[in-house]
C-alpha atoms as a PDB file:
ATOM      1  CA  UNK A   1     102.219  76.612  87.603  1.00  0.00           C
ATOM      2  CA  UNK A   2     104.221  79.329  88.971  1.00  0.00           C
ATOM      3  CA  UNK A   3     107.019  77.761  90.992  1.00  0.00           C
ATOM      4  CA  UNK A   4     108.423  81.001  92.522  1.00  0.00           C
ATOM      5  CA  UNK A   5     108.584  84.776  92.407  1.00  0.00           C
ATOM      6  CA  UNK A   6     111.114  86.956  93.454  1.00  0.00           C
ATOM      7  CA  UNK A   7     110.191  90.626  94.744  1.00  0.00           C
ATOM      8  CA  UNK A   8     113.512  92.825  94.603  1.00  0.00           C
ATOM      9  CA  UNK A   9     111.779  96.208  95.521  1.00  0.00           C
ATOM     10  CA  UNK A  10     108.703  98.440  94.894  1.00  0.00           C
ATOM     11  CA  UNK A  11     108.058 101.479  92.941  1.00  0.00           C
ATOM     12  CA  UNK A  12     105.363 104.052  93.893  1.00  0.00           C
ATOM     13  CA  UNK A  13     102.903 105.546  91.265  1.00  0.00           C
ATOM     14  CA  UNK A  14     100.417 108.315  91.458  1.00  0.00           C
ATOM     15  CA  UNK A  15      97.578 105.909  90.100  1.00  0.00           C
ATOM     16  CA  UNK A  16      95.397 102.967  90.959  1.00  0.00           C
ATOM     17  CA  UNK A  17      93.582 100.698  88.513  1.00  0.00           C
ATOM     18  CA  UNK A  18      90.017  99.867  89.237  1.00  0.00           C
ATOM     19  CA  UNK A  19      89.984 101.331  92.413  1.00  0.00           C
ATOM     20  CA  UNK A  20      87.470 101.722  95.090  1.00  0.00           C
ATOM     21  CA  UNK A  21      87.518 103.593  98.516  1.00  0.00           C
ATOM     22  CA  UNK A  22      85.591 102.150 101.467  1.00  0.00           C
ATOM     23  CA  UNK A  23      85.163 104.805 104.030  1.00  0.00           C
ATOM     24  CA  UNK A  24      84.163 102.443 106.788  1.00  0.00           C
ATOM     25  CA  UNK A  25      87.352 100.899 106.973  1.00  0.00           C
ATOM     26  CA  UNK A  26      89.470 103.799 105.474  1.00  0.00           C
ATOM     27  CA  UNK A  27      90.864 101.564 102.385  1.00  0.00           C
ATOM     28  CA  UNK A  28      91.513 101.967  98.918  1.00  0.00           C
ATOM     29  CA  UNK A  29      91.553  98.381  96.953  1.00  0.00           C
ATOM     30  CA  UNK A  30      92.996  98.054  93.523  1.00  0.00           C
ATOM     31  CA  UNK A  31      92.527  95.172  90.836  1.00  0.00           C
ATOM     32  CA  UNK A  32      94.809  95.188  87.777  1.00  0.00           C
ATOM     33  CA  UNK A  33      94.107  92.532  85.046  1.00  0.00           C
ATOM     34  CA  UNK A  34      97.142  91.397  83.371  1.00  0.00           C
ATOM     35  CA  UNK A  35      94.960  90.167  80.696  1.00  0.00           C
ATOM     36  CA  UNK A  36      91.109  90.402  79.946  1.00  0.00           C
ATOM     37  CA  UNK A  37      90.095  87.041  81.502  1.00  0.00           C
ATOM     38  CA  UNK A  38      91.584  88.055  84.866  1.00  0.00           C
ATOM     39  CA  UNK A  39      93.512  84.909  85.483  1.00  0.00           C
ATOM     40  CA  UNK A  40      96.734  86.766  85.782  1.00  0.00           C
ATOM     41  CA  UNK A  41      96.250  89.956  87.904  1.00  0.00           C
ATOM     42  CA  UNK A  42      97.504  92.054  90.736  1.00  0.00           C
ATOM     43  CA  UNK A  43      95.663  93.605  93.752  1.00  0.00           C
ATOM     44  CA  UNK A  44      96.278  95.908  96.316  1.00  0.00           C
ATOM     45  CA  UNK A  45      94.896  97.307  99.744  1.00  0.00           C
ATOM     46  CA  UNK A  46      96.035 100.608 100.979  1.00  0.00           C
ATOM     47  CA  UNK A  47      94.963 101.638 104.628  1.00  0.00           C
ATOM     48  CA  UNK A  48      94.743 105.488 105.704  1.00  0.00           C
ATOM     49  CA  UNK A  49      96.432 106.140 108.850  1.00  0.00           C
ATOM     50  CA  UNK A  50      98.517 108.867 110.337  1.00  0.00           C
ATOM     51  CA  UNK A  51      97.493 111.177 107.429  1.00  0.00           C
ATOM     52  CA  UNK A  52      98.815 108.892 104.573  1.00  0.00           C
ATOM     53  CA  UNK A  53      97.916 105.692 102.790  1.00  0.00           C
ATOM     54  CA  UNK A  54      99.974 102.520 103.094  1.00  0.00           C
ATOM     55  CA  UNK A  55     100.144  99.424 101.474  1.00  0.00           C
ATOM     56  CA  UNK A  56      99.003  96.730 103.727  1.00  0.00           C
ATOM     57  CA  UNK A  57      98.233  93.880 101.092  1.00  0.00           C
ATOM     58  CA  UNK A  58      99.480  93.033  97.824  1.00  0.00           C
ATOM     59  CA  UNK A  59      98.455  90.007  95.995  1.00  0.00           C
ATOM     60  CA  UNK A  60      99.826  88.468  92.569  1.00  0.00           C
ATOM     61  CA  UNK A  61      98.417  85.713  90.422  1.00  0.00           C
ATOM     62  CA  UNK A  62     101.095  85.085  87.701  1.00  0.00           C
ATOM     63  CA  UNK A  63      99.810  81.922  86.578  1.00  0.00           C
ATOM     64  CA  UNK A  64      98.018  82.489  83.329  1.00  0.00           C
ATOM     65  CA  UNK A  65      95.937  79.321  84.067  1.00  0.00           C
ATOM     66  CA  UNK A  66      92.446  80.144  83.483  1.00  0.00           C
ATOM     67  CA  UNK A  67      91.763  80.500  87.130  1.00  0.00           C
ATOM     68  CA  UNK A  68      91.932  83.276  89.825  1.00  0.00           C
ATOM     69  CA  UNK A  69      94.377  82.050  92.533  1.00  0.00           C
ATOM     70  CA  UNK A  70      96.324  84.997  93.952  1.00  0.00           C
ATOM     71  CA  UNK A  71      99.241  84.605  96.364  1.00  0.00           C
ATOM     72  CA  UNK A  72      99.849  87.329  98.693  1.00  0.00           C
ATOM     73  CA  UNK A  73     103.277  88.980  98.132  1.00  0.00           C
ATOM     74  CA  UNK A  74     102.832  91.447 101.089  1.00  0.00           C
ATOM     75  CA  UNK A  75     100.809  91.204 103.927  1.00  0.00           C
ATOM     76  CA  UNK A  76     100.822  93.610 107.018  1.00  0.00           C
ATOM     77  CA  UNK A  77      96.933  92.922 107.223  1.00  0.00           C
ATOM     78  CA  UNK A  78      97.260  89.621 108.988  1.00  0.00           C
ATOM     79  CA  UNK A  79      98.416  88.546 112.209  1.00  0.00           C
ATOM     80  CA  UNK A  80     101.534  86.166 112.340  1.00  0.00           C
END
């Protein structure tokens, strides 16, 4: 069980893993398996607005427990 995770910053890259674009919502989603079974992973949602894509949701599952149970690290997609 993951007890805590500390995010100290973000880094931008010019690529997206397992990405898909949804024209209806103007979003790109990504899904990155940290190992083959997908129980440890990260995923992101990027929204196109004002001429650029910006990260609005980033979830991480760092548990390696055989189940998919991501936790939101960044969430600008949901109202408080």
